[in-house]
Amino acid sequence: MNAQIGMEINERARRALTRVPPSVKVTDEMVADVADALRGAVRAAYQNAAVIATSRTHEGAPLEESRARRSEAQDLAHAYEKLANESR
């Protein structure tokens, strides 16, 4: 994963944990767990988008147009799958 994105996720995790009562010590391990959960959610969202993109159908459309849209959907799915893999 791109270092900038990783840093942003860790910062978001740290911010999310600021709502924990002051009596609870927020450790680096807690931040890492929350960041991992955020990465998992992002990865799942990209994987879901890839599934949705590949499941698009165009009934009633001319064959050439349908093939072009299917190709576009597959390209989108590949892009989403690549992003999902990068978010690991």
PDB file of N, CA and C in Angstrom:
ATOM      1  N   MET A   1       0.850  -1.174   0.000  1.00  0.00           N
ATOM      2  CA  MET A   1       0.000   0.000   0.000  1.00  0.00           C
ATOM      3  C   MET A   1       0.889   1.227   0.000  1.00  0.00           C
ATOM      4  N   ASN A   2       0.423   2.208  -0.651  1.00  0.00           N
ATOM      5  CA  ASN A   2       1.077   3.511  -0.726  1.00  0.00           C
ATOM      6  C   ASN A   2       1.269   4.061   0.695  1.00  0.00           C
ATOM      7  N   ALA A   3       2.459   4.566   0.990  1.00  0.00           N
ATOM      8  CA  ALA A   3       2.786   5.052   2.340  1.00  0.00           C
ATOM      9  C   ALA A   3       1.871   6.189   2.779  1.00  0.00           C
ATOM     10  N   GLN A   4       1.503   7.067   1.858  1.00  0.00           N
ATOM     11  CA  GLN A   4       0.624   8.196   2.188  1.00  0.00           C
ATOM     12  C   GLN A   4      -0.736   7.689   2.668  1.00  0.00           C
ATOM     13  N   ILE A   5      -1.293   6.714   1.959  1.00  0.00           N
ATOM     14  CA  ILE A   5      -2.595   6.172   2.351  1.00  0.00           C
ATOM     15  C   ILE A   5      -2.488   5.490   3.708  1.00  0.00           C
ATOM     16  N   GLY A   6      -1.413   4.721   3.907  1.00  0.00           N
ATOM     17  CA  GLY A   6      -1.207   4.051   5.187  1.00  0.00           C
ATOM     18  C   GLY A   6      -1.115   5.035   6.328  1.00  0.00           C
ATOM     19  N   MET A   7      -0.430   6.152   6.086  1.00  0.00           N
ATOM     20  CA  MET A   7      -0.292   7.168   7.110  1.00  0.00           C
ATOM     21  C   MET A   7      -1.661   7.799   7.407  1.00  0.00           C
ATOM     22  N   GLU A   8      -2.446   8.049   6.374  1.00  0.00           N
ATOM     23  CA  GLU A   8      -3.768   8.643   6.575  1.00  0.00           C
ATOM     24  C   GLU A   8      -4.663   7.712   7.380  1.00  0.00           C
ATOM     25  N   ILE A   9      -4.607   6.415   7.083  1.00  0.00           N
ATOM     26  CA  ILE A   9      -5.437   5.469   7.821  1.00  0.00           C
ATOM     27  C   ILE A   9      -5.009   5.425   9.284  1.00  0.00           C
ATOM     28  N   ASN A  10      -3.712   5.426   9.538  1.00  0.00           N
ATOM     29  CA  ASN A  10      -3.250   5.427  10.933  1.00  0.00           C
ATOM     30  C   ASN A  10      -3.683   6.702  11.653  1.00  0.00           C
ATOM     31  N   GLU A  11      -3.632   7.831  10.965  1.00  0.00           N
ATOM     32  CA  GLU A  11      -4.068   9.091  11.577  1.00  0.00           C
ATOM     33  C   GLU A  11      -5.569   9.069  11.852  1.00  0.00           C
ATOM     34  N   ARG A  12      -6.333   8.524  10.929  1.00  0.00           N
ATOM     35  CA  ARG A  12      -7.789   8.410  11.147  1.00  0.00           C
ATOM     36  C   ARG A  12      -8.079   7.499  12.337  1.00  0.00           C
ATOM     37  N   ALA A  13      -7.322   6.418  12.442  1.00  0.00           N
ATOM     38  CA  ALA A  13      -7.504   5.509  13.574  1.00  0.00           C
ATOM     39  C   ALA A  13      -7.199   6.224  14.881  1.00  0.00           C
ATOM     40  N   ARG A  14      -6.116   6.983  14.890  1.00  0.00           N
ATOM     41  CA  ARG A  14      -5.733   7.721  16.098  1.00  0.00           C
ATOM     42  C   ARG A  14      -6.823   8.733  16.467  1.00  0.00           C
ATOM     43  N   ARG A  15      -7.369   9.421  15.453  1.00  0.00           N
ATOM     44  CA  ARG A  15      -8.450  10.397  15.712  1.00  0.00           C
ATOM     45  C   ARG A  15      -9.696   9.703  16.240  1.00  0.00           C
ATOM     46  N   ALA A  16     -10.012   8.547  15.663  1.00  0.00           N
ATOM     47  CA  ALA A  16     -11.204   7.817  16.118  1.00  0.00           C
ATOM     48  C   ALA A  16     -11.067   7.426  17.585  1.00  0.00           C
ATOM     49  N   LEU A  17      -9.859   7.117  17.973  1.00  0.00           N
ATOM     50  CA  LEU A  17      -9.635   6.699  19.358  1.00  0.00           C
ATOM     51  C   LEU A  17      -9.571   7.864  20.337  1.00  0.00           C
ATOM     52  N   THR A  18      -9.614   9.100  19.866  1.00  0.00           N
ATOM     53  CA  THR A  18      -9.630  10.240  20.788  1.00  0.00           C
ATOM     54  C   THR A  18     -10.945  10.306  21.558  1.00  0.00           C
ATOM     55  N   ARG A  19     -11.946   9.589  21.083  1.00  0.00           N
ATOM     56  CA  ARG A  19     -13.241   9.575  21.766  1.00  0.00           C
ATOM     57  C   ARG A  19     -13.273   8.580  22.920  1.00  0.00           C
ATOM     58  N   VAL A  20     -12.212   7.809  23.057  1.00  0.00           N
ATOM     59  CA  VAL A  20     -12.113   6.877  24.178  1.00  0.00           C
ATOM     60  C   VAL A  20     -11.915   7.708  25.442  1.00  0.00           C
ATOM     61  N   PRO A  21     -12.571   7.340  26.533  1.00  0.00           N
ATOM     62  CA  PRO A  21     -12.411   8.114  27.774  1.00  0.00           C
ATOM     63  C   PRO A  21     -10.939   8.241  28.165  1.00  0.00           C
ATOM     64  N   PRO A  22     -10.566   9.377  28.737  1.00  0.00           N
ATOM     65  CA  PRO A  22      -9.166   9.604  29.122  1.00  0.00           C
ATOM     66  C   PRO A  22      -8.631   8.570  30.108  1.00  0.00           C
ATOM     67  N   SER A  23      -9.514   7.903  30.832  1.00  0.00           N
ATOM     68  CA  SER A  23      -9.062   6.900  31.800  1.00  0.00           C
ATOM     69  C   SER A  23      -8.501   5.644  31.109  1.00  0.00           C
ATOM     70  N   VAL A  24      -8.802   5.480  29.818  1.00  0.00           N
ATOM     71  CA  VAL A  24      -8.303   4.331  29.062  1.00  0.00           C
ATOM     72  C   VAL A  24      -7.086   4.776  28.263  1.00  0.00           C
ATOM     73  N   LYS A  25      -5.972   4.107  28.479  1.00  0.00           N
ATOM     74  CA  LYS A  25      -4.753   4.458  27.760  1.00  0.00           C
ATOM     75  C   LYS A  25      -4.823   3.892  26.338  1.00  0.00           C
ATOM     76  N   VAL A  26      -4.666   4.767  25.350  1.00  0.00           N
ATOM     77  CA  VAL A  26      -4.676   4.345  23.951  1.00  0.00           C
ATOM     78  C   VAL A  26      -3.248   3.965  23.568  1.00  0.00           C
ATOM     79  N   THR A  27      -3.080   2.691  23.277  1.00  0.00           N
ATOM     80  CA  THR A  27      -1.746   2.192  22.935  1.00  0.00           C
ATOM     81  C   THR A  27      -1.553   2.161  21.422  1.00  0.00           C
ATOM     82  N   ASP A  28      -0.315   2.021  21.010  1.00  0.00           N
ATOM     83  CA  ASP A  28      -0.024   1.888  19.579  1.00  0.00           C
ATOM     84  C   ASP A  28      -0.688   0.636  19.006  1.00  0.00           C
ATOM     85  N   GLU A  29      -0.815  -0.403  19.828  1.00  0.00           N
ATOM     86  CA  GLU A  29      -1.469  -1.632  19.376  1.00  0.00           C
ATOM     87  C   GLU A  29      -2.943  -1.381  19.080  1.00  0.00           C
ATOM     88  N   MET A  30      -3.593  -0.579  19.918  1.00  0.00           N
ATOM     89  CA  MET A  30      -4.998  -0.246  19.670  1.00  0.00           C
ATOM     90  C   MET A  30      -5.134   0.530  18.367  1.00  0.00           C
ATOM     91  N   VAL A  31      -4.248   1.483  18.143  1.00  0.00           N
ATOM     92  CA  VAL A  31      -4.273   2.268  16.915  1.00  0.00           C
ATOM     93  C   VAL A  31      -4.059   1.343  15.723  1.00  0.00           C
ATOM     94  N   ALA A  32      -3.125   0.410  15.838  1.00  0.00           N
ATOM     95  CA  ALA A  32      -2.851  -0.536  14.748  1.00  0.00           C
ATOM     96  C   ALA A  32      -4.065  -1.411  14.460  1.00  0.00           C
ATOM     97  N   ASP A  33      -4.767  -1.846  15.511  1.00  0.00           N
ATOM     98  CA  ASP A  33      -5.966  -2.674  15.317  1.00  0.00           C
ATOM     99  C   ASP A  33      -7.065  -1.903  14.603  1.00  0.00           C
ATOM    100  N   VAL A  34      -7.284  -0.661  15.012  1.00  0.00           N
ATOM    101  CA  VAL A  34      -8.308   0.163  14.366  1.00  0.00           C
ATOM    102  C   VAL A  34      -7.909   0.453  12.916  1.00  0.00           C
ATOM    103  N   ALA A  35      -6.631   0.745  12.687  1.00  0.00           N
ATOM    104  CA  ALA A  35      -6.156   1.003  11.321  1.00  0.00           C
ATOM    105  C   ALA A  35      -6.341  -0.240  10.458  1.00  0.00           C
ATOM    106  N   ASP A  36      -6.074  -1.409  11.025  1.00  0.00           N
ATOM    107  CA  ASP A  36      -6.259  -2.662  10.285  1.00  0.00           C
ATOM    108  C   ASP A  36      -7.729  -2.858   9.934  1.00  0.00           C
ATOM    109  N   ALA A  37      -8.609  -2.524  10.866  1.00  0.00           N
ATOM    110  CA  ALA A  37     -10.046  -2.632  10.592  1.00  0.00           C
ATOM    111  C   ALA A  37     -10.466  -1.676   9.480  1.00  0.00           C
ATOM    112  N   LEU A  38      -9.918  -0.476   9.481  1.00  0.00           N
ATOM    113  CA  LEU A  38     -10.218   0.482   8.416  1.00  0.00           C
ATOM    114  C   LEU A  38      -9.723  -0.038   7.063  1.00  0.00           C
ATOM    115  N   ARG A  39      -8.507  -0.578   7.044  1.00  0.00           N
ATOM    116  CA  ARG A  39      -7.976  -1.144   5.796  1.00  0.00           C
ATOM    117  C   ARG A  39      -8.875  -2.272   5.299  1.00  0.00           C
ATOM    118  N   GLY A  40      -9.327  -3.103   6.212  1.00  0.00           N
ATOM    119  CA  GLY A  40     -10.221  -4.204   5.844  1.00  0.00           C
ATOM    120  C   GLY A  40     -11.525  -3.705   5.256  1.00  0.00           C
ATOM    121  N   ALA A  41     -12.053  -2.645   5.837  1.00  0.00           N
ATOM    122  CA  ALA A  41     -13.301  -2.072   5.324  1.00  0.00           C
ATOM    123  C   ALA A  41     -13.104  -1.489   3.932  1.00  0.00           C
ATOM    124  N   VAL A  42     -11.980  -0.820   3.720  1.00  0.00           N
ATOM    125  CA  VAL A  42     -11.677  -0.247   2.406  1.00  0.00           C
ATOM    126  C   VAL A  42     -11.515  -1.363   1.385  1.00  0.00           C
ATOM    127  N   ARG A  43     -10.771  -2.410   1.764  1.00  0.00           N
ATOM    128  CA  ARG A  43     -10.552  -3.535   0.858  1.00  0.00           C
ATOM    129  C   ARG A  43     -11.884  -4.202   0.504  1.00  0.00           C
ATOM    130  N   ALA A  44     -12.742  -4.411   1.493  1.00  0.00           N
ATOM    131  CA  ALA A  44     -14.041  -5.030   1.255  1.00  0.00           C
ATOM    132  C   ALA A  44     -14.909  -4.167   0.332  1.00  0.00           C
ATOM    133  N   ALA A  45     -14.839  -2.860   0.511  1.00  0.00           N
ATOM    134  CA  ALA A  45     -15.619  -1.957  -0.351  1.00  0.00           C
ATOM    135  C   ALA A  45     -15.149  -2.046  -1.799  1.00  0.00           C
ATOM    136  N   TYR A  46     -13.836  -2.086  -2.014  1.00  0.00           N
ATOM    137  CA  TYR A  46     -13.308  -2.227  -3.375  1.00  0.00           C
ATOM    138  C   TYR A  46     -13.692  -3.573  -3.973  1.00  0.00           C
ATOM    139  N   GLN A  47     -13.609  -4.636  -3.185  1.00  0.00           N
ATOM    140  CA  GLN A  47     -13.977  -5.955  -3.688  1.00  0.00           C
ATOM    141  C   GLN A  47     -15.459  -6.001  -4.047  1.00  0.00           C
ATOM    142  N   ASN A  48     -16.291  -5.386  -3.232  1.00  0.00           N
ATOM    143  CA  ASN A  48     -17.727  -5.329  -3.516  1.00  0.00           C
ATOM    144  C   ASN A  48     -17.987  -4.536  -4.795  1.00  0.00           C
ATOM    145  N   ALA A  49     -17.270  -3.434  -4.968  1.00  0.00           N
ATOM    146  CA  ALA A  49     -17.430  -2.629  -6.186  1.00  0.00           C
ATOM    147  C   ALA A  49     -17.027  -3.438  -7.413  1.00  0.00           C
ATOM    148  N   ALA A  50     -15.993  -4.257  -7.296  1.00  0.00           N
ATOM    149  CA  ALA A  50     -15.564  -5.097  -8.417  1.00  0.00           C
ATOM    150  C   ALA A  50     -16.647  -6.106  -8.772  1.00  0.00           C
ATOM    151  N   VAL A  51     -17.267  -6.700  -7.773  1.00  0.00           N
ATOM    152  CA  VAL A  51     -18.343  -7.670  -8.020  1.00  0.00           C
ATOM    153  C   VAL A  51     -19.521  -6.986  -8.699  1.00  0.00           C
ATOM    154  N   ILE A  52     -19.875  -5.823  -8.211  1.00  0.00           N
ATOM    155  CA  ILE A  52     -20.999  -5.089  -8.805  1.00  0.00           C
ATOM    156  C   ILE A  52     -20.683  -4.713 -10.246  1.00  0.00           C
ATOM    157  N   ALA A  53     -19.477  -4.250 -10.499  1.00  0.00           N
ATOM    158  CA  ALA A  53     -19.096  -3.845 -11.860  1.00  0.00           C
ATOM    159  C   ALA A  53     -19.172  -5.020 -12.832  1.00  0.00           C
ATOM    160  N   THR A  54     -18.725  -6.193 -12.412  1.00  0.00           N
ATOM    161  CA  THR A  54     -18.733  -7.342 -13.323  1.00  0.00           C
ATOM    162  C   THR A  54     -20.112  -7.938 -13.490  1.00  0.00           C
ATOM    163  N   SER A  55     -21.027  -7.640 -12.585  1.00  0.00           N
ATOM    164  CA  SER A  55     -22.366  -8.218 -12.688  1.00  0.00           C
ATOM    165  C   SER A  55     -23.331  -7.360 -13.498  1.00  0.00           C
ATOM    166  N   ARG A  56     -22.835  -6.244 -14.011  1.00  0.00           N
ATOM    167  CA  ARG A  56     -23.708  -5.376 -14.809  1.00  0.00           C
ATOM    168  C   ARG A  56     -24.143  -6.097 -16.083  1.00  0.00           C
ATOM    169  N   THR A  57     -25.424  -6.054 -16.363  1.00  0.00           N
ATOM    170  CA  THR A  57     -25.940  -6.628 -17.607  1.00  0.00           C
ATOM    171  C   THR A  57     -26.724  -5.560 -18.346  1.00  0.00           C
ATOM    172  N   HIS A  58     -26.792  -5.725 -19.631  1.00  0.00           N
ATOM    173  CA  HIS A  58     -27.488  -4.736 -20.475  1.00  0.00           C
ATOM    174  C   HIS A  58     -28.413  -5.476 -21.431  1.00  0.00           C
ATOM    175  N   GLU A  59     -29.489  -5.981 -20.860  1.00  0.00           N
ATOM    176  CA  GLU A  59     -30.451  -6.709 -21.676  1.00  0.00           C
ATOM    177  C   GLU A  59     -31.149  -5.759 -22.638  1.00  0.00           C
ATOM    178  N   GLY A  60     -31.352  -6.229 -23.826  1.00  0.00           N
ATOM    179  CA  GLY A  60     -32.064  -5.443 -24.820  1.00  0.00           C
ATOM    180  C   GLY A  60     -31.184  -4.482 -25.589  1.00  0.00           C
ATOM    181  N   ALA A  61     -29.939  -4.330 -25.197  1.00  0.00           N
ATOM    182  CA  ALA A  61     -29.020  -3.437 -25.905  1.00  0.00           C
ATOM    183  C   ALA A  61     -28.449  -4.179 -27.113  1.00  0.00           C
ATOM    184  N   PRO A  62     -28.094  -3.429 -28.159  1.00  0.00           N
ATOM    185  CA  PRO A  62     -27.452  -4.077 -29.306  1.00  0.00           C
ATOM    186  C   PRO A  62     -26.176  -4.797 -28.858  1.00  0.00           C
ATOM    187  N   LEU A  63     -25.823  -5.869 -29.559  1.00  0.00           N
ATOM    188  CA  LEU A  63     -24.699  -6.709 -29.164  1.00  0.00           C
ATOM    189  C   LEU A  63     -23.397  -5.933 -29.034  1.00  0.00           C
ATOM    190  N   GLU A  64     -23.080  -5.082 -29.991  1.00  0.00           N
ATOM    191  CA  GLU A  64     -21.834  -4.313 -29.923  1.00  0.00           C
ATOM    192  C   GLU A  64     -21.799  -3.406 -28.699  1.00  0.00           C
ATOM    193  N   GLU A  65     -22.903  -2.736 -28.452  1.00  0.00           N
ATOM    194  CA  GLU A  65     -22.974  -1.839 -27.293  1.00  0.00           C
ATOM    195  C   GLU A  65     -22.858  -2.636 -25.991  1.00  0.00           C
ATOM    196  N   SER A  66     -23.511  -3.776 -25.946  1.00  0.00           N
ATOM    197  CA  SER A  66     -23.461  -4.620 -24.763  1.00  0.00           C
ATOM    198  C   SER A  66     -22.035  -5.116 -24.509  1.00  0.00           C
ATOM    199  N   ARG A  67     -21.337  -5.511 -25.564  1.00  0.00           N
ATOM    200  CA  ARG A  67     -19.958  -5.965 -25.421  1.00  0.00           C
ATOM    201  C   ARG A  67     -19.051  -4.830 -24.952  1.00  0.00           C
ATOM    202  N   ALA A  68     -19.261  -3.643 -25.476  1.00  0.00           N
ATOM    203  CA  ALA A  68     -18.451  -2.487 -25.071  1.00  0.00           C
ATOM    204  C   ALA A  68     -18.671  -2.174 -23.596  1.00  0.00           C
ATOM    205  N   ARG A  69     -19.905  -2.218 -23.159  1.00  0.00           N
ATOM    206  CA  ARG A  69     -20.196  -1.934 -21.750  1.00  0.00           C
ATOM    207  C   ARG A  69     -19.658  -3.030 -20.846  1.00  0.00           C
ATOM    208  N   ARG A  70     -19.726  -4.270 -21.322  1.00  0.00           N
ATOM    209  CA  ARG A  70     -19.186  -5.384 -20.536  1.00  0.00           C
ATOM    210  C   ARG A  70     -17.668  -5.233 -20.392  1.00  0.00           C
ATOM    211  N   SER A  71     -17.013  -4.847 -21.470  1.00  0.00           N
ATOM    212  CA  SER A  71     -15.566  -4.627 -21.432  1.00  0.00           C
ATOM    213  C   SER A  71     -15.228  -3.505 -20.461  1.00  0.00           C
ATOM    214  N   GLU A  72     -16.010  -2.438 -20.498  1.00  0.00           N
ATOM    215  CA  GLU A  72     -15.811  -1.317 -19.572  1.00  0.00           C
ATOM    216  C   GLU A  72     -15.989  -1.777 -18.127  1.00  0.00           C
ATOM    217  N   ALA A  73     -16.997  -2.602 -17.888  1.00  0.00           N
ATOM    218  CA  ALA A  73     -17.255  -3.112 -16.542  1.00  0.00           C
ATOM    219  C   ALA A  73     -16.095  -3.979 -16.069  1.00  0.00           C
ATOM    220  N   GLN A  74     -15.543  -4.789 -16.961  1.00  0.00           N
ATOM    221  CA  GLN A  74     -14.410  -5.628 -16.583  1.00  0.00           C
ATOM    222  C   GLN A  74     -13.181  -4.785 -16.280  1.00  0.00           C
ATOM    223  N   ASP A  75     -12.969  -3.722 -17.041  1.00  0.00           N
ATOM    224  CA  ASP A  75     -11.855  -2.810 -16.764  1.00  0.00           C
ATOM    225  C   ASP A  75     -12.002  -2.167 -15.386  1.00  0.00           C
ATOM    226  N   LEU A  76     -13.217  -1.740 -15.076  1.00  0.00           N
ATOM    227  CA  LEU A  76     -13.488  -1.164 -13.750  1.00  0.00           C
ATOM    228  C   LEU A  76     -13.235  -2.195 -12.654  1.00  0.00           C
ATOM    229  N   ALA A  77     -13.691  -3.419 -12.883  1.00  0.00           N
ATOM    230  CA  ALA A  77     -13.508  -4.473 -11.891  1.00  0.00           C
ATOM    231  C   ALA A  77     -12.029  -4.726 -11.647  1.00  0.00           C
ATOM    232  N   HIS A  78     -11.230  -4.747 -12.705  1.00  0.00           N
ATOM    233  CA  HIS A  78      -9.786  -4.947 -12.541  1.00  0.00           C
ATOM    234  C   HIS A  78      -9.164  -3.798 -11.745  1.00  0.00           C
ATOM    235  N   ALA A  79      -9.599  -2.579 -12.018  1.00  0.00           N
ATOM    236  CA  ALA A  79      -9.074  -1.424 -11.281  1.00  0.00           C
ATOM    237  C   ALA A  79      -9.434  -1.531  -9.800  1.00  0.00           C
ATOM    238  N   TYR A  80     -10.680  -1.927  -9.504  1.00  0.00           N
ATOM    239  CA  TYR A  80     -11.096  -2.073  -8.111  1.00  0.00           C
ATOM    240  C   TYR A  80     -10.338  -3.210  -7.422  1.00  0.00           C
ATOM    241  N   GLU A  81     -10.126  -4.310  -8.142  1.00  0.00           N
ATOM    242  CA  GLU A  81      -9.384  -5.424  -7.562  1.00  0.00           C
ATOM    243  C   GLU A  81      -7.941  -5.001  -7.263  1.00  0.00           C
ATOM    244  N   LYS A  82      -7.355  -4.217  -8.150  1.00  0.00           N
ATOM    245  CA  LYS A  82      -5.990  -3.724  -7.931  1.00  0.00           C
ATOM    246  C   LYS A  82      -5.950  -2.842  -6.672  1.00  0.00           C
ATOM    247  N   LEU A  83      -6.922  -1.951  -6.536  1.00  0.00           N
ATOM    248  CA  LEU A  83      -6.981  -1.102  -5.346  1.00  0.00           C
ATOM    249  C   LEU A  83      -7.186  -1.930  -4.080  1.00  0.00           C
ATOM    250  N   ALA A  84      -8.015  -2.968  -4.182  1.00  0.00           N
ATOM    251  CA  ALA A  84      -8.234  -3.835  -3.022  1.00  0.00           C
ATOM    252  C   ALA A  84      -6.937  -4.528  -2.622  1.00  0.00           C
ATOM    253  N   ASN A  85      -6.180  -5.000  -3.589  1.00  0.00           N
ATOM    254  CA  ASN A  85      -4.906  -5.656  -3.286  1.00  0.00           C
ATOM    255  C   ASN A  85      -3.901  -4.677  -2.704  1.00  0.00           C
ATOM    256  N   GLU A  86      -3.916  -3.435  -3.177  1.00  0.00           N
ATOM    257  CA  GLU A  86      -2.993  -2.432  -2.657  1.00  0.00           C
ATOM    258  C   GLU A  86      -3.347  -2.001  -1.234  1.00  0.00           C
ATOM    259  N   SER A  87      -4.594  -2.197  -0.850  1.00  0.00           N
ATOM    260  CA  SER A  87      -5.010  -1.747   0.483  1.00  0.00           C
ATOM    261  C   SER A  87      -4.693  -2.773   1.558  1.00  0.00           C
ATOM    262  N   ARG A  88      -4.041  -3.855   1.219  1.00  0.00           N
ATOM    263  CA  ARG A  88      -3.680  -4.890   2.215  1.00  0.00           C
ATOM    264  C   ARG A  88      -2.545  -4.432   3.077  1.00  0.00           C
TER     265      ARG A  88
END
